[in-house]
Amino acid sequence: LNAEYNEDYVINECKKIGLDLMVVSLGEDGA
């Protein structure tokens, strides 16, 4: 996404990509 991590931004941008499922693994913070 060429951006720093921001949960809301990541969610919005991933929804625009429009795949069945995108799993963003966050390590010890879950997914």
Full PDB file with SEQRES, HELIX, SHEET, SSBOND, CRYST1, ORIGX, SCALE, CONECT and MASTER records, all heavy atoms in Angstrom:
SEQRES   1 A   31  LEU ASN ALA GLU TYR ASN GLU ASP TYR VAL ILE ASN GLU          
SEQRES   2 A   31  CYS LYS LYS ILE GLY LEU ASP LEU MET VAL VAL SER LEU          
SEQRES   3 A   31  GLY GLU ASP GLY ALA                                          
HELIX    1 AA1 GLU A    7  ILE A   17  1                                  11    
HELIX    2 AA2 GLY A   27  ASP A   29  5                                   3    
CRYST1    1.000    1.000    1.000  90.00  90.00  90.00 P 1           1          
ORIGX1      1.000000  0.000000  0.000000        0.00000                         
ORIGX2      0.000000  1.000000  0.000000        0.00000                         
ORIGX3      0.000000  0.000000  1.000000        0.00000                         
SCALE1      1.000000  0.000000  0.000000        0.00000                         
SCALE2      0.000000  1.000000  0.000000        0.00000                         
SCALE3      0.000000  0.000000  1.000000        0.00000                         
ATOM      1  N   LEU A   1       0.813  -1.219   0.000  1.00  0.00           N  
ATOM      2  CA  LEU A   1       0.000   0.000   0.000  1.00  0.00           C  
ATOM      3  C   LEU A   1       0.849   1.273   0.000  1.00  0.00           C  
ATOM      4  O   LEU A   1       0.310   2.376  -0.061  1.00  0.00           O  
ATOM      5  CB  LEU A   1      -0.928   0.003   1.221  1.00  0.00           C  
ATOM      6  CG  LEU A   1      -1.917  -1.158   1.304  1.00  0.00           C  
ATOM      7  CD1 LEU A   1      -2.701  -1.097   2.599  1.00  0.00           C  
ATOM      8  CD2 LEU A   1      -2.847  -1.187   0.093  1.00  0.00           C  
ATOM      9  N   ASN A   2       2.166   1.108   0.096  1.00  0.00           N  
ATOM     10  CA  ASN A   2       3.105   2.230   0.132  1.00  0.00           C  
ATOM     11  C   ASN A   2       2.705   3.228   1.225  1.00  0.00           C  
ATOM     12  O   ASN A   2       2.566   4.425   0.983  1.00  0.00           O  
ATOM     13  CB  ASN A   2       3.200   2.913  -1.238  1.00  0.00           C  
ATOM     14  CG  ASN A   2       4.406   3.820  -1.337  1.00  0.00           C  
ATOM     15  OD1 ASN A   2       5.414   3.594  -0.673  1.00  0.00           O  
ATOM     16  ND2 ASN A   2       4.301   4.849  -2.156  1.00  0.00           N  
ATOM     17  N   ALA A   3       2.502   2.679   2.437  1.00  0.00           N  
ATOM     18  CA  ALA A   3       2.059   3.513   3.557  1.00  0.00           C  
ATOM     19  C   ALA A   3       2.529   2.915   4.873  1.00  0.00           C  
ATOM     20  O   ALA A   3       2.818   1.726   4.957  1.00  0.00           O  
ATOM     21  CB  ALA A   3       0.537   3.603   3.548  1.00  0.00           C  
ATOM     22  N   GLU A   4       2.566   3.759   5.899  1.00  0.00           N  
ATOM     23  CA  GLU A   4       2.813   3.281   7.259  1.00  0.00           C  
ATOM     24  C   GLU A   4       1.566   2.509   7.702  1.00  0.00           C  
ATOM     25  O   GLU A   4       0.473   2.743   7.194  1.00  0.00           O  
ATOM     26  CB  GLU A   4       3.054   4.464   8.204  1.00  0.00           C  
ATOM     27  CG  GLU A   4       4.313   5.250   7.907  1.00  0.00           C  
ATOM     28  CD  GLU A   4       5.578   4.452   8.174  1.00  0.00           C  
ATOM     29  OE1 GLU A   4       5.639   3.756   9.201  1.00  0.00           O  
ATOM     30  OE2 GLU A   4       6.504   4.523   7.343  1.00  0.00           O  
ATOM     31  N   TYR A   5       1.728   1.640   8.690  1.00  0.00           N  
ATOM     32  CA  TYR A   5       0.586   0.849   9.146  1.00  0.00           C  
ATOM     33  C   TYR A   5      -0.408   1.706   9.913  1.00  0.00           C  
ATOM     34  O   TYR A   5      -0.067   2.387  10.881  1.00  0.00           O  
ATOM     35  CB  TYR A   5       1.025  -0.326  10.028  1.00  0.00           C  
ATOM     36  CG  TYR A   5      -0.152  -1.200  10.398  1.00  0.00           C  
ATOM     37  CD1 TYR A   5      -0.658  -2.102   9.485  1.00  0.00           C  
ATOM     38  CD2 TYR A   5      -0.773  -1.071  11.629  1.00  0.00           C  
ATOM     39  CE1 TYR A   5      -1.762  -2.889   9.785  1.00  0.00           C  
ATOM     40  CE2 TYR A   5      -1.879  -1.850  11.949  1.00  0.00           C  
ATOM     41  CZ  TYR A   5      -2.366  -2.756  11.022  1.00  0.00           C  
ATOM     42  OH  TYR A   5      -3.466  -3.512  11.333  1.00  0.00           O  
ATOM     43  N   ASN A   6      -1.629   1.689   9.446  1.00  0.00           N  
ATOM     44  CA  ASN A   6      -2.771   2.293  10.111  1.00  0.00           C  
ATOM     45  C   ASN A   6      -3.938   1.346   9.833  1.00  0.00           C  
ATOM     46  O   ASN A   6      -4.288   1.119   8.671  1.00  0.00           O  
ATOM     47  CB  ASN A   6      -3.056   3.689   9.541  1.00  0.00           C  
ATOM     48  CG  ASN A   6      -4.341   4.272  10.070  1.00  0.00           C  
ATOM     49  OD1 ASN A   6      -5.432   3.847   9.688  1.00  0.00           O  
ATOM     50  ND2 ASN A   6      -4.214   5.257  10.945  1.00  0.00           N  
ATOM     51  N   GLU A   7      -4.491   0.780  10.895  1.00  0.00           N  
ATOM     52  CA  GLU A   7      -5.496  -0.279  10.738  1.00  0.00           C  
ATOM     53  C   GLU A   7      -6.669   0.149   9.849  1.00  0.00           C  
ATOM     54  O   GLU A   7      -7.053  -0.585   8.941  1.00  0.00           O  
ATOM     55  CB  GLU A   7      -5.999  -0.724  12.109  1.00  0.00           C  
ATOM     56  CG  GLU A   7      -6.908  -1.934  12.032  1.00  0.00           C  
ATOM     57  CD  GLU A   7      -7.232  -2.458  13.417  1.00  0.00           C  
ATOM     58  OE1 GLU A   7      -6.344  -3.106  14.016  1.00  0.00           O  
ATOM     59  OE2 GLU A   7      -8.359  -2.211  13.880  1.00  0.00           O  
ATOM     60  N   ASP A   8      -7.235   1.311  10.095  1.00  0.00           N  
ATOM     61  CA  ASP A   8      -8.383   1.758   9.294  1.00  0.00           C  
ATOM     62  C   ASP A   8      -8.006   1.909   7.820  1.00  0.00           C  
ATOM     63  O   ASP A   8      -8.764   1.506   6.929  1.00  0.00           O  
ATOM     64  CB  ASP A   8      -8.947   3.083   9.825  1.00  0.00           C  
ATOM     65  CG  ASP A   8      -9.616   2.934  11.176  1.00  0.00           C  
ATOM     66  OD1 ASP A   8     -10.098   1.819  11.490  1.00  0.00           O  
ATOM     67  OD2 ASP A   8      -9.654   3.924  11.942  1.00  0.00           O  
ATOM     68  N   TYR A   9      -6.840   2.495   7.571  1.00  0.00           N  
ATOM     69  CA  TYR A   9      -6.386   2.675   6.197  1.00  0.00           C  
ATOM     70  C   TYR A   9      -6.182   1.325   5.512  1.00  0.00           C  
ATOM     71  O   TYR A   9      -6.628   1.113   4.380  1.00  0.00           O  
ATOM     72  CB  TYR A   9      -5.093   3.494   6.167  1.00  0.00           C  
ATOM     73  CG  TYR A   9      -4.576   3.728   4.768  1.00  0.00           C  
ATOM     74  CD1 TYR A   9      -5.177   4.675   3.953  1.00  0.00           C  
ATOM     75  CD2 TYR A   9      -3.504   2.988   4.270  1.00  0.00           C  
ATOM     76  CE1 TYR A   9      -4.720   4.888   2.662  1.00  0.00           C  
ATOM     77  CE2 TYR A   9      -3.040   3.195   2.992  1.00  0.00           C  
ATOM     78  CZ  TYR A   9      -3.652   4.149   2.183  1.00  0.00           C  
ATOM     79  OH  TYR A   9      -3.200   4.345   0.901  1.00  0.00           O  
ATOM     80  N   VAL A  10      -5.523   0.401   6.205  1.00  0.00           N  
ATOM     81  CA  VAL A  10      -5.279  -0.929   5.646  1.00  0.00           C  
ATOM     82  C   VAL A  10      -6.603  -1.615   5.308  1.00  0.00           C  
ATOM     83  O   VAL A  10      -6.780  -2.171   4.220  1.00  0.00           O  
ATOM     84  CB  VAL A  10      -4.435  -1.795   6.612  1.00  0.00           C  
ATOM     85  CG1 VAL A  10      -4.438  -3.257   6.205  1.00  0.00           C  
ATOM     86  CG2 VAL A  10      -3.006  -1.268   6.674  1.00  0.00           C  
ATOM     87  N   ILE A  11      -7.554  -1.554   6.216  1.00  0.00           N  
ATOM     88  CA  ILE A  11      -8.857  -2.189   5.979  1.00  0.00           C  
ATOM     89  C   ILE A  11      -9.533  -1.577   4.753  1.00  0.00           C  
ATOM     90  O   ILE A  11     -10.002  -2.302   3.862  1.00  0.00           O  
ATOM     91  CB  ILE A  11      -9.758  -2.072   7.222  1.00  0.00           C  
ATOM     92  CG1 ILE A  11      -9.207  -2.952   8.349  1.00  0.00           C  
ATOM     93  CG2 ILE A  11     -11.200  -2.443   6.901  1.00  0.00           C  
ATOM     94  CD1 ILE A  11      -9.837  -2.709   9.709  1.00  0.00           C  
ATOM     95  N   ASN A  12      -9.594  -0.260   4.695  1.00  0.00           N  
ATOM     96  CA  ASN A  12     -10.249   0.409   3.565  1.00  0.00           C  
ATOM     97  C   ASN A  12      -9.576   0.074   2.238  1.00  0.00           C  
ATOM     98  O   ASN A  12     -10.255  -0.207   1.246  1.00  0.00           O  
ATOM     99  CB  ASN A  12     -10.290   1.927   3.778  1.00  0.00           C  
ATOM    100  CG  ASN A  12     -11.253   2.313   4.878  1.00  0.00           C  
ATOM    101  OD1 ASN A  12     -12.256   1.641   5.121  1.00  0.00           O  
ATOM    102  ND2 ASN A  12     -10.957   3.408   5.565  1.00  0.00           N  
ATOM    103  N   GLU A  13      -8.256   0.103   2.215  1.00  0.00           N  
ATOM    104  CA  GLU A  13      -7.533  -0.181   0.976  1.00  0.00           C  
ATOM    105  C   GLU A  13      -7.676  -1.649   0.566  1.00  0.00           C  
ATOM    106  O   GLU A  13      -7.807  -1.961  -0.616  1.00  0.00           O  
ATOM    107  CB  GLU A  13      -6.064   0.213   1.100  1.00  0.00           C  
ATOM    108  CG  GLU A  13      -5.843   1.711   1.205  1.00  0.00           C  
ATOM    109  CD  GLU A  13      -6.409   2.493   0.027  1.00  0.00           C  
ATOM    110  OE1 GLU A  13      -6.050   2.184  -1.128  1.00  0.00           O  
ATOM    111  OE2 GLU A  13      -7.216   3.420   0.267  1.00  0.00           O  
ATOM    112  N   CYS A  14      -7.649  -2.549   1.539  1.00  0.00           N  
ATOM    113  CA  CYS A  14      -7.800  -3.972   1.232  1.00  0.00           C  
ATOM    114  C   CYS A  14      -9.200  -4.271   0.692  1.00  0.00           C  
ATOM    115  O   CYS A  14      -9.362  -5.073  -0.221  1.00  0.00           O  
ATOM    116  CB  CYS A  14      -7.508  -4.822   2.466  1.00  0.00           C  
ATOM    117  SG  CYS A  14      -5.756  -4.901   2.881  1.00  0.00           S  
ATOM    118  N   LYS A  15     -10.204  -3.613   1.243  1.00  0.00           N  
ATOM    119  CA  LYS A  15     -11.566  -3.813   0.744  1.00  0.00           C  
ATOM    120  C   LYS A  15     -11.667  -3.373  -0.720  1.00  0.00           C  
ATOM    121  O   LYS A  15     -12.370  -3.997  -1.514  1.00  0.00           O  
ATOM    122  CB  LYS A  15     -12.580  -3.091   1.614  1.00  0.00           C  
ATOM    123  CG  LYS A  15     -12.817  -3.809   2.945  1.00  0.00           C  
ATOM    124  CD  LYS A  15     -13.864  -3.153   3.771  1.00  0.00           C  
ATOM    125  CE  LYS A  15     -15.223  -3.698   3.724  1.00  0.00           C  
ATOM    126  NZ  LYS A  15     -15.605  -5.026   3.766  1.00  0.00           N  
ATOM    127  N   LYS A  16     -10.946  -2.322  -1.091  1.00  0.00           N  
ATOM    128  CA  LYS A  16     -10.947  -1.839  -2.479  1.00  0.00           C  
ATOM    129  C   LYS A  16     -10.348  -2.872  -3.424  1.00  0.00           C  
ATOM    130  O   LYS A  16     -10.735  -2.941  -4.587  1.00  0.00           O  
ATOM    131  CB  LYS A  16     -10.161  -0.535  -2.594  1.00  0.00           C  
ATOM    132  CG  LYS A  16     -10.843   0.658  -1.974  1.00  0.00           C  
ATOM    133  CD  LYS A  16      -9.941   1.886  -2.111  1.00  0.00           C  
ATOM    134  CE  LYS A  16     -10.445   3.061  -1.304  1.00  0.00           C  
ATOM    135  NZ  LYS A  16      -9.508   4.202  -1.372  1.00  0.00           N  
ATOM    136  N   ILE A  17      -9.391  -3.659  -2.943  1.00  0.00           N  
ATOM    137  CA  ILE A  17      -8.758  -4.681  -3.787  1.00  0.00           C  
ATOM    138  C   ILE A  17      -9.780  -5.738  -4.168  1.00  0.00           C  
ATOM    139  O   ILE A  17      -9.770  -6.257  -5.272  1.00  0.00           O  
ATOM    140  CB  ILE A  17      -7.516  -5.280  -3.085  1.00  0.00           C  
ATOM    141  CG1 ILE A  17      -6.436  -4.195  -2.964  1.00  0.00           C  
ATOM    142  CG2 ILE A  17      -6.988  -6.501  -3.835  1.00  0.00           C  
ATOM    143  CD1 ILE A  17      -5.254  -4.576  -2.111  1.00  0.00           C  
ATOM    144  N   GLY A  18     -10.690  -6.059  -3.242  1.00  0.00           N  
ATOM    145  CA  GLY A  18     -11.845  -6.870  -3.576  1.00  0.00           C  
ATOM    146  C   GLY A  18     -11.627  -8.364  -3.724  1.00  0.00           C  
ATOM    147  O   GLY A  18     -12.280  -8.996  -4.557  1.00  0.00           O  
ATOM    148  N   LEU A  19     -10.762  -8.941  -2.938  1.00  0.00           N  
ATOM    149  CA  LEU A  19     -10.582 -10.395  -2.984  1.00  0.00           C  
ATOM    150  C   LEU A  19     -11.566 -11.060  -2.024  1.00  0.00           C  
ATOM    151  O   LEU A  19     -12.155 -10.405  -1.163  1.00  0.00           O  
ATOM    152  CB  LEU A  19      -9.152 -10.755  -2.601  1.00  0.00           C  
ATOM    153  CG  LEU A  19      -8.042 -10.111  -3.437  1.00  0.00           C  
ATOM    154  CD1 LEU A  19      -6.683 -10.575  -2.952  1.00  0.00           C  
ATOM    155  CD2 LEU A  19      -8.216 -10.409  -4.912  1.00  0.00           C  
ATOM    156  N   ASP A  20     -11.717 -12.378  -2.132  1.00  0.00           N  
ATOM    157  CA  ASP A  20     -12.583 -13.106  -1.200  1.00  0.00           C  
ATOM    158  C   ASP A  20     -12.137 -12.867   0.232  1.00  0.00           C  
ATOM    159  O   ASP A  20     -12.951 -12.616   1.118  1.00  0.00           O  
ATOM    160  CB  ASP A  20     -12.559 -14.618  -1.468  1.00  0.00           C  
ATOM    161  CG  ASP A  20     -13.169 -14.999  -2.804  1.00  0.00           C  
ATOM    162  OD1 ASP A  20     -13.835 -14.152  -3.443  1.00  0.00           O  
ATOM    163  OD2 ASP A  20     -12.966 -16.161  -3.215  1.00  0.00           O  
ATOM    164  N   LEU A  21     -10.822 -12.969   0.452  1.00  0.00           N  
ATOM    165  CA  LEU A  21     -10.286 -12.809   1.796  1.00  0.00           C  
ATOM    166  C   LEU A  21      -8.835 -12.351   1.725  1.00  0.00           C  
ATOM    167  O   LEU A  21      -8.049 -12.868   0.929  1.00  0.00           O  
ATOM    168  CB  LEU A  21     -10.367 -14.137   2.568  1.00  0.00           C  
ATOM    169  CG  LEU A  21      -9.907 -14.136   4.011  1.00  0.00           C  
ATOM    170  CD1 LEU A  21     -10.775 -13.218   4.876  1.00  0.00           C  
ATOM    171  CD2 LEU A  21      -9.938 -15.553   4.570  1.00  0.00           C  
ATOM    172  N   MET A  22      -8.521 -11.379   2.574  1.00  0.00           N  
ATOM    173  CA  MET A  22      -7.136 -10.962   2.767  1.00  0.00           C  
ATOM    174  C   MET A  22      -6.853 -11.133   4.247  1.00  0.00           C  
ATOM    175  O   MET A  22      -7.560 -10.576   5.084  1.00  0.00           O  
ATOM    176  CB  MET A  22      -6.942  -9.510   2.343  1.00  0.00           C  
ATOM    177  CG  MET A  22      -7.202  -9.292   0.859  1.00  0.00           C  
ATOM    178  SD  MET A  22      -7.059  -7.568   0.354  1.00  0.00           S  
ATOM    179  CE  MET A  22      -5.304  -7.304   0.469  1.00  0.00           C  
ATOM    180  N   VAL A  23      -5.840 -11.908   4.554  1.00  0.00           N  
ATOM    181  CA  VAL A  23      -5.455 -12.121   5.942  1.00  0.00           C  
ATOM    182  C   VAL A  23      -4.144 -11.375   6.155  1.00  0.00           C  
ATOM    183  O   VAL A  23      -3.127 -11.712   5.556  1.00  0.00           O  
ATOM    184  CB  VAL A  23      -5.276 -13.619   6.269  1.00  0.00           C  
ATOM    185  CG1 VAL A  23      -4.885 -13.798   7.728  1.00  0.00           C  
ATOM    186  CG2 VAL A  23      -6.545 -14.399   5.938  1.00  0.00           C  
ATOM    187  N   VAL A  24      -4.197 -10.349   6.992  1.00  0.00           N  
ATOM    188  CA  VAL A  24      -3.001  -9.575   7.296  1.00  0.00           C  
ATOM    189  C   VAL A  24      -2.508 -10.046   8.654  1.00  0.00           C  
ATOM    190  O   VAL A  24      -3.112  -9.769   9.686  1.00  0.00           O  
ATOM    191  CB  VAL A  24      -3.287  -8.063   7.312  1.00  0.00           C  
ATOM    192  CG1 VAL A  24      -2.005  -7.282   7.637  1.00  0.00           C  
ATOM    193  CG2 VAL A  24      -3.877  -7.610   5.985  1.00  0.00           C  
ATOM    194  N   SER A  25      -1.409 -10.819   8.642  1.00  0.00           N  
ATOM    195  CA  SER A  25      -0.881 -11.323   9.906  1.00  0.00           C  
ATOM    196  C   SER A  25      -0.100 -10.209  10.597  1.00  0.00           C  
ATOM    197  O   SER A  25       0.698  -9.512   9.976  1.00  0.00           O  
ATOM    198  CB  SER A  25      -0.033 -12.579   9.693  1.00  0.00           C  
ATOM    199  OG  SER A  25       0.992 -12.346   8.770  1.00  0.00           O  
ATOM    200  N   LEU A  26      -0.393 -10.052  11.888  1.00  0.00           N  
ATOM    201  CA  LEU A  26       0.188  -8.973  12.683  1.00  0.00           C  
ATOM    202  C   LEU A  26       1.110  -9.503  13.771  1.00  0.00           C  
ATOM    203  O   LEU A  26       1.344  -8.837  14.773  1.00  0.00           O  
ATOM    204  CB  LEU A  26      -0.936  -8.134  13.308  1.00  0.00           C  
ATOM    205  CG  LEU A  26      -1.958  -7.551  12.329  1.00  0.00           C  
ATOM    206  CD1 LEU A  26      -3.124  -6.924  13.085  1.00  0.00           C  
ATOM    207  CD2 LEU A  26      -1.305  -6.555  11.385  1.00  0.00           C  
ATOM    208  N   GLY A  27       1.598 -10.729  13.599  1.00  0.00           N  
ATOM    209  CA  GLY A  27       2.503 -11.314  14.582  1.00  0.00           C  
ATOM    210  C   GLY A  27       1.831 -11.485  15.923  1.00  0.00           C  
ATOM    211  O   GLY A  27       0.712 -11.995  16.011  1.00  0.00           O  
ATOM    212  N   GLU A  28       2.465 -11.000  16.971  1.00  0.00           N  
ATOM    213  CA  GLU A  28       1.925 -11.175  18.320  1.00  0.00           C  
ATOM    214  C   GLU A  28       0.648 -10.367  18.550  1.00  0.00           C  
ATOM    215  O   GLU A  28      -0.020 -10.541  19.561  1.00  0.00           O  
ATOM    216  CB  GLU A  28       2.977 -10.827  19.369  1.00  0.00           C  
ATOM    217  CG  GLU A  28       3.430  -9.396  19.341  1.00  0.00           C  
ATOM    218  CD  GLU A  28       4.579  -9.109  20.293  1.00  0.00           C  
ATOM    219  OE1 GLU A  28       5.345 -10.034  20.609  1.00  0.00           O  
ATOM    220  OE2 GLU A  28       4.702  -7.951  20.720  1.00  0.00           O  
ATOM    221  N   ASP A  29       0.301  -9.505  17.595  1.00  0.00           N  
ATOM    222  CA  ASP A  29      -0.935  -8.731  17.704  1.00  0.00           C  
ATOM    223  C   ASP A  29      -2.116  -9.418  17.015  1.00  0.00           C  
ATOM    224  O   ASP A  29      -3.197  -8.847  16.948  1.00  0.00           O  
ATOM    225  CB  ASP A  29      -0.743  -7.324  17.129  1.00  0.00           C  
ATOM    226  CG  ASP A  29       0.214  -6.497  17.968  1.00  0.00           C  
ATOM    227  OD1 ASP A  29       0.219  -6.659  19.204  1.00  0.00           O  
ATOM    228  OD2 ASP A  29       0.964  -5.695  17.387  1.00  0.00           O  
ATOM    229  N   GLY A  30      -1.900 -10.619  16.473  1.00  0.00           N  
ATOM    230  CA  GLY A  30      -2.997 -11.370  15.871  1.00  0.00           C  
ATOM    231  C   GLY A  30      -3.067 -11.208  14.368  1.00  0.00           C  
ATOM    232  O   GLY A  30      -2.051 -11.239  13.680  1.00  0.00           O  
ATOM    233  N   ALA A  31      -4.285 -11.005  13.860  1.00  0.00           N  
ATOM    234  CA  ALA A  31      -4.464 -10.893  12.416  1.00  0.00           C  
ATOM    235  C   ALA A  31      -5.765 -10.179  12.091  1.00  0.00           C  
ATOM    236  O   ALA A  31      -6.724 -10.211  12.860  1.00  0.00           O  
ATOM    237  CB  ALA A  31      -4.469 -12.281  11.771  1.00  0.00           C  
TER     238      ALA A  31                                                      
MASTER        0    0    0    2    0    0    0    6  237    1    0    3          
END                                                                             
